[in-house]
Amino acid sequence: MDFTTITIQIPSDLLQQAREIEKESLDALVTEALSKEIKLRRAWEAHQTIIKIREEVKQKTGVHPSSIPLIHQLREGEGRRD
């Protein structure tokens, strides 16, 4: 992994807490936290995209009836074509 040196400002109390609980270097802690945050934000963005697409489909096609009753009927043998 290629590293870049940056300068950041962190609230003093947050930095102190990080130093008290973290056994690894502060660099490792920040790298891990940033990586997790990026994954979280990408997942949230994907979730929002799914919600948007669902709404668009719902607007175009309307609400579809539930398939659960049909599945129950098929499991109970009604309407099977064996």
N, C-alpha and C. Protein backbone atom coordinates (compact mmCIF):
# COMPACT_ATOMS: atom_id res chain seq x y z
N MET A 1 0.85 -1.17 0.00
CA MET A 1 0.00 0.00 0.00
C MET A 1 0.89 1.23 0.00
N ASP A 2 0.56 2.17 -0.85
CA ASP A 2 1.31 3.41 -0.95
C ASP A 2 0.73 4.41 0.05
N PHE A 3 1.59 5.05 0.82
CA PHE A 3 1.14 5.98 1.85
C PHE A 3 1.45 7.42 1.47
N THR A 4 0.58 8.33 1.90
CA THR A 4 0.76 9.76 1.71
C THR A 4 0.70 10.41 3.08
N THR A 5 1.59 11.35 3.32
CA THR A 5 1.62 12.06 4.59
C THR A 5 0.70 13.27 4.50
N ILE A 6 -0.18 13.42 5.52
CA ILE A 6 -1.08 14.56 5.57
C ILE A 6 -1.08 15.13 6.98
N THR A 7 -1.60 16.33 7.12
CA THR A 7 -1.78 16.94 8.43
C THR A 7 -3.27 17.10 8.66
N ILE A 8 -3.73 16.65 9.83
CA ILE A 8 -5.15 16.78 10.15
C ILE A 8 -5.29 17.41 11.53
N GLN A 9 -6.45 17.99 11.77
CA GLN A 9 -6.73 18.55 13.08
C GLN A 9 -7.75 17.65 13.77
N ILE A 10 -7.43 17.24 14.98
CA ILE A 10 -8.29 16.37 15.78
C ILE A 10 -8.52 17.04 17.11
N PRO A 11 -9.75 17.03 17.61
CA PRO A 11 -9.99 17.60 18.94
C PRO A 11 -9.08 16.94 19.98
N SER A 12 -8.52 17.73 20.87
CA SER A 12 -7.54 17.24 21.85
C SER A 12 -8.08 16.09 22.69
N ASP A 13 -9.33 16.21 23.15
CA ASP A 13 -9.88 15.15 23.99
C ASP A 13 -10.04 13.84 23.21
N LEU A 14 -10.39 13.92 21.94
CA LEU A 14 -10.52 12.73 21.11
C LEU A 14 -9.16 12.08 20.88
N LEU A 15 -8.15 12.89 20.66
CA LEU A 15 -6.80 12.37 20.48
C LEU A 15 -6.31 11.69 21.76
N GLN A 16 -6.58 12.28 22.89
CA GLN A 16 -6.18 11.69 24.17
C GLN A 16 -6.87 10.34 24.38
N GLN A 17 -8.16 10.27 24.08
CA GLN A 17 -8.89 9.01 24.21
C GLN A 17 -8.31 7.94 23.29
N ALA A 18 -7.96 8.33 22.08
CA ALA A 18 -7.38 7.37 21.13
C ALA A 18 -6.05 6.85 21.65
N ARG A 19 -5.26 7.71 22.21
CA ARG A 19 -3.95 7.29 22.75
C ARG A 19 -4.12 6.37 23.95
N GLU A 20 -5.16 6.56 24.74
CA GLU A 20 -5.38 5.74 25.92
C GLU A 20 -5.84 4.33 25.59
N ILE A 21 -6.66 4.18 24.56
CA ILE A 21 -7.22 2.86 24.27
C ILE A 21 -6.51 2.10 23.16
N GLU A 22 -5.81 2.77 22.31
CA GLU A 22 -5.21 2.12 21.16
C GLU A 22 -3.79 1.67 21.45
N LYS A 23 -3.55 0.37 21.17
CA LYS A 23 -2.21 -0.18 21.36
C LYS A 23 -1.37 -0.03 20.09
N GLU A 24 -2.05 0.15 18.96
CA GLU A 24 -1.35 0.34 17.70
C GLU A 24 -0.98 1.82 17.55
N SER A 25 -0.32 2.11 16.45
CA SER A 25 0.03 3.51 16.19
C SER A 25 -1.21 4.31 15.83
N LEU A 26 -1.12 5.59 16.02
CA LEU A 26 -2.22 6.48 15.66
C LEU A 26 -2.47 6.41 14.16
N ASP A 27 -1.42 6.26 13.38
CA ASP A 27 -1.57 6.11 11.93
C ASP A 27 -2.44 4.90 11.59
N ALA A 28 -2.17 3.78 12.25
CA ALA A 28 -2.96 2.56 12.00
C ALA A 28 -4.42 2.76 12.40
N LEU A 29 -4.63 3.43 13.53
CA LEU A 29 -5.99 3.69 13.99
C LEU A 29 -6.75 4.56 12.99
N VAL A 30 -6.15 5.63 12.54
CA VAL A 30 -6.80 6.54 11.59
C VAL A 30 -7.04 5.83 10.26
N THR A 31 -6.08 5.05 9.80
CA THR A 31 -6.23 4.31 8.55
C THR A 31 -7.40 3.34 8.63
N GLU A 32 -7.49 2.60 9.72
CA GLU A 32 -8.58 1.64 9.90
C GLU A 32 -9.93 2.36 9.99
N ALA A 33 -9.98 3.43 10.75
CA ALA A 33 -11.23 4.19 10.91
C ALA A 33 -11.68 4.77 9.57
N LEU A 34 -10.76 5.31 8.82
CA LEU A 34 -11.10 5.90 7.52
C LEU A 34 -11.58 4.82 6.55
N SER A 35 -10.94 3.68 6.57
CA SER A 35 -11.35 2.57 5.71
C SER A 35 -12.77 2.11 6.05
N LYS A 36 -13.07 1.98 7.33
CA LYS A 36 -14.41 1.57 7.76
C LYS A 36 -15.44 2.62 7.36
N GLU A 37 -15.11 3.88 7.52
CA GLU A 37 -16.04 4.96 7.18
C GLU A 37 -16.33 4.99 5.69
N ILE A 38 -15.32 4.77 4.88
CA ILE A 38 -15.51 4.74 3.43
C ILE A 38 -16.44 3.59 3.06
N LYS A 39 -16.23 2.40 3.63
CA LYS A 39 -17.10 1.25 3.35
C LYS A 39 -18.53 1.54 3.80
N LEU A 40 -18.68 2.15 4.96
CA LEU A 40 -20.00 2.49 5.48
C LEU A 40 -20.72 3.46 4.55
N ARG A 41 -20.03 4.48 4.11
CA ARG A 41 -20.64 5.48 3.23
C ARG A 41 -20.99 4.90 1.86
N ARG A 42 -20.14 4.01 1.35
CA ARG A 42 -20.46 3.36 0.06
C ARG A 42 -21.68 2.45 0.21
N ALA A 43 -21.75 1.73 1.32
CA ALA A 43 -22.90 0.87 1.57
C ALA A 43 -24.17 1.71 1.70
N TRP A 44 -24.09 2.83 2.39
CA TRP A 44 -25.24 3.72 2.55
C TRP A 44 -25.69 4.27 1.19
N GLU A 45 -24.71 4.65 0.37
CA GLU A 45 -25.01 5.16 -0.96
C GLU A 45 -25.70 4.08 -1.80
N ALA A 46 -25.22 2.84 -1.73
CA ALA A 46 -25.83 1.74 -2.46
C ALA A 46 -27.26 1.51 -1.96
N HIS A 47 -27.44 1.57 -0.66
CA HIS A 47 -28.77 1.39 -0.07
C HIS A 47 -29.73 2.47 -0.58
N GLN A 48 -29.27 3.71 -0.61
CA GLN A 48 -30.10 4.81 -1.09
C GLN A 48 -30.44 4.62 -2.57
N THR A 49 -29.51 4.11 -3.36
CA THR A 49 -29.76 3.84 -4.77
C THR A 49 -30.84 2.77 -4.92
N ILE A 50 -30.75 1.72 -4.10
CA ILE A 50 -31.75 0.65 -4.14
C ILE A 50 -33.13 1.20 -3.79
N ILE A 51 -33.21 2.03 -2.77
CA ILE A 51 -34.49 2.63 -2.38
C ILE A 51 -35.05 3.47 -3.52
N LYS A 52 -34.19 4.24 -4.17
CA LYS A 52 -34.62 5.10 -5.28
C LYS A 52 -35.15 4.25 -6.44
N ILE A 53 -34.43 3.19 -6.78
CA ILE A 53 -34.86 2.33 -7.89
C ILE A 53 -36.17 1.63 -7.55
N ARG A 54 -36.30 1.16 -6.31
CA ARG A 54 -37.56 0.52 -5.89
C ARG A 54 -38.74 1.48 -6.06
N GLU A 55 -38.53 2.71 -5.66
CA GLU A 55 -39.60 3.71 -5.76
C GLU A 55 -39.94 3.99 -7.22
N GLU A 56 -38.92 4.07 -8.09
CA GLU A 56 -39.15 4.29 -9.51
C GLU A 56 -39.95 3.14 -10.12
N VAL A 57 -39.59 1.91 -9.77
CA VAL A 57 -40.30 0.73 -10.27
C VAL A 57 -41.74 0.74 -9.76
N LYS A 58 -41.90 1.06 -8.49
CA LYS A 58 -43.23 1.12 -7.89
C LYS A 58 -44.11 2.16 -8.61
N GLN A 59 -43.52 3.31 -8.96
CA GLN A 59 -44.27 4.34 -9.66
C GLN A 59 -44.67 3.89 -11.06
N LYS A 60 -43.79 3.12 -11.72
CA LYS A 60 -44.07 2.66 -13.09
C LYS A 60 -45.05 1.50 -13.12
N THR A 61 -44.90 0.55 -12.21
CA THR A 61 -45.67 -0.69 -12.30
C THR A 61 -46.74 -0.83 -11.24
N GLY A 62 -46.71 0.02 -10.24
CA GLY A 62 -47.68 -0.09 -9.16
C GLY A 62 -47.24 -1.15 -8.15
N VAL A 63 -48.07 -1.36 -7.15
CA VAL A 63 -47.76 -2.33 -6.10
C VAL A 63 -48.22 -3.70 -6.57
N HIS A 64 -47.34 -4.66 -6.53
CA HIS A 64 -47.67 -6.02 -6.93
C HIS A 64 -48.27 -6.78 -5.76
N PRO A 65 -49.19 -7.69 -6.05
CA PRO A 65 -49.76 -8.48 -4.95
C PRO A 65 -48.70 -9.41 -4.36
N SER A 66 -48.90 -9.76 -3.12
CA SER A 66 -47.96 -10.63 -2.43
C SER A 66 -48.01 -12.03 -3.04
N SER A 67 -46.85 -12.65 -3.20
CA SER A 67 -46.79 -14.02 -3.73
C SER A 67 -46.82 -15.06 -2.61
N ILE A 68 -46.87 -14.62 -1.37
CA ILE A 68 -46.84 -15.55 -0.24
C ILE A 68 -48.01 -16.53 -0.26
N PRO A 69 -49.26 -16.08 -0.48
CA PRO A 69 -50.36 -17.05 -0.52
C PRO A 69 -50.17 -18.11 -1.61
N LEU A 70 -49.67 -17.71 -2.77
CA LEU A 70 -49.43 -18.67 -3.85
C LEU A 70 -48.37 -19.68 -3.43
N ILE A 71 -47.32 -19.23 -2.80
CA ILE A 71 -46.26 -20.13 -2.34
C ILE A 71 -46.81 -21.13 -1.33
N HIS A 72 -47.65 -20.66 -0.41
CA HIS A 72 -48.26 -21.57 0.56
C HIS A 72 -49.14 -22.61 -0.13
N GLN A 73 -49.91 -22.18 -1.13
CA GLN A 73 -50.76 -23.11 -1.87
C GLN A 73 -49.92 -24.17 -2.57
N LEU A 74 -48.85 -23.76 -3.20
CA LEU A 74 -47.99 -24.70 -3.91
C LEU A 74 -47.34 -25.68 -2.94
N ARG A 75 -46.94 -25.21 -1.79
CA ARG A 75 -46.33 -26.10 -0.80
C ARG A 75 -47.34 -27.11 -0.26
N GLU A 76 -48.59 -26.70 -0.18
CA GLU A 76 -49.63 -27.59 0.32
C GLU A 76 -50.17 -28.51 -0.76
N GLY A 77 -49.69 -28.36 -1.99
CA GLY A 77 -50.08 -29.25 -3.06
C GLY A 77 -51.19 -28.72 -3.95
N GLU A 78 -51.77 -27.61 -3.63
CA GLU A 78 -52.83 -27.04 -4.45
C GLU A 78 -52.24 -26.41 -5.72
N GLY A 79 -52.81 -26.78 -6.85
CA GLY A 79 -52.36 -26.19 -8.10
C GLY A 79 -51.06 -26.73 -8.63
N ARG A 80 -50.55 -27.80 -8.06
CA ARG A 80 -49.28 -28.38 -8.55
C ARG A 80 -49.53 -29.12 -9.85
N ARG A 81 -48.54 -29.15 -10.67
CA ARG A 81 -48.65 -29.83 -11.97
C ARG A 81 -47.63 -30.97 -12.07
N ASP A 82 -47.49 -31.75 -11.04
CA ASP A 82 -46.51 -32.85 -11.04
C ASP A 82 -46.87 -33.90 -12.05
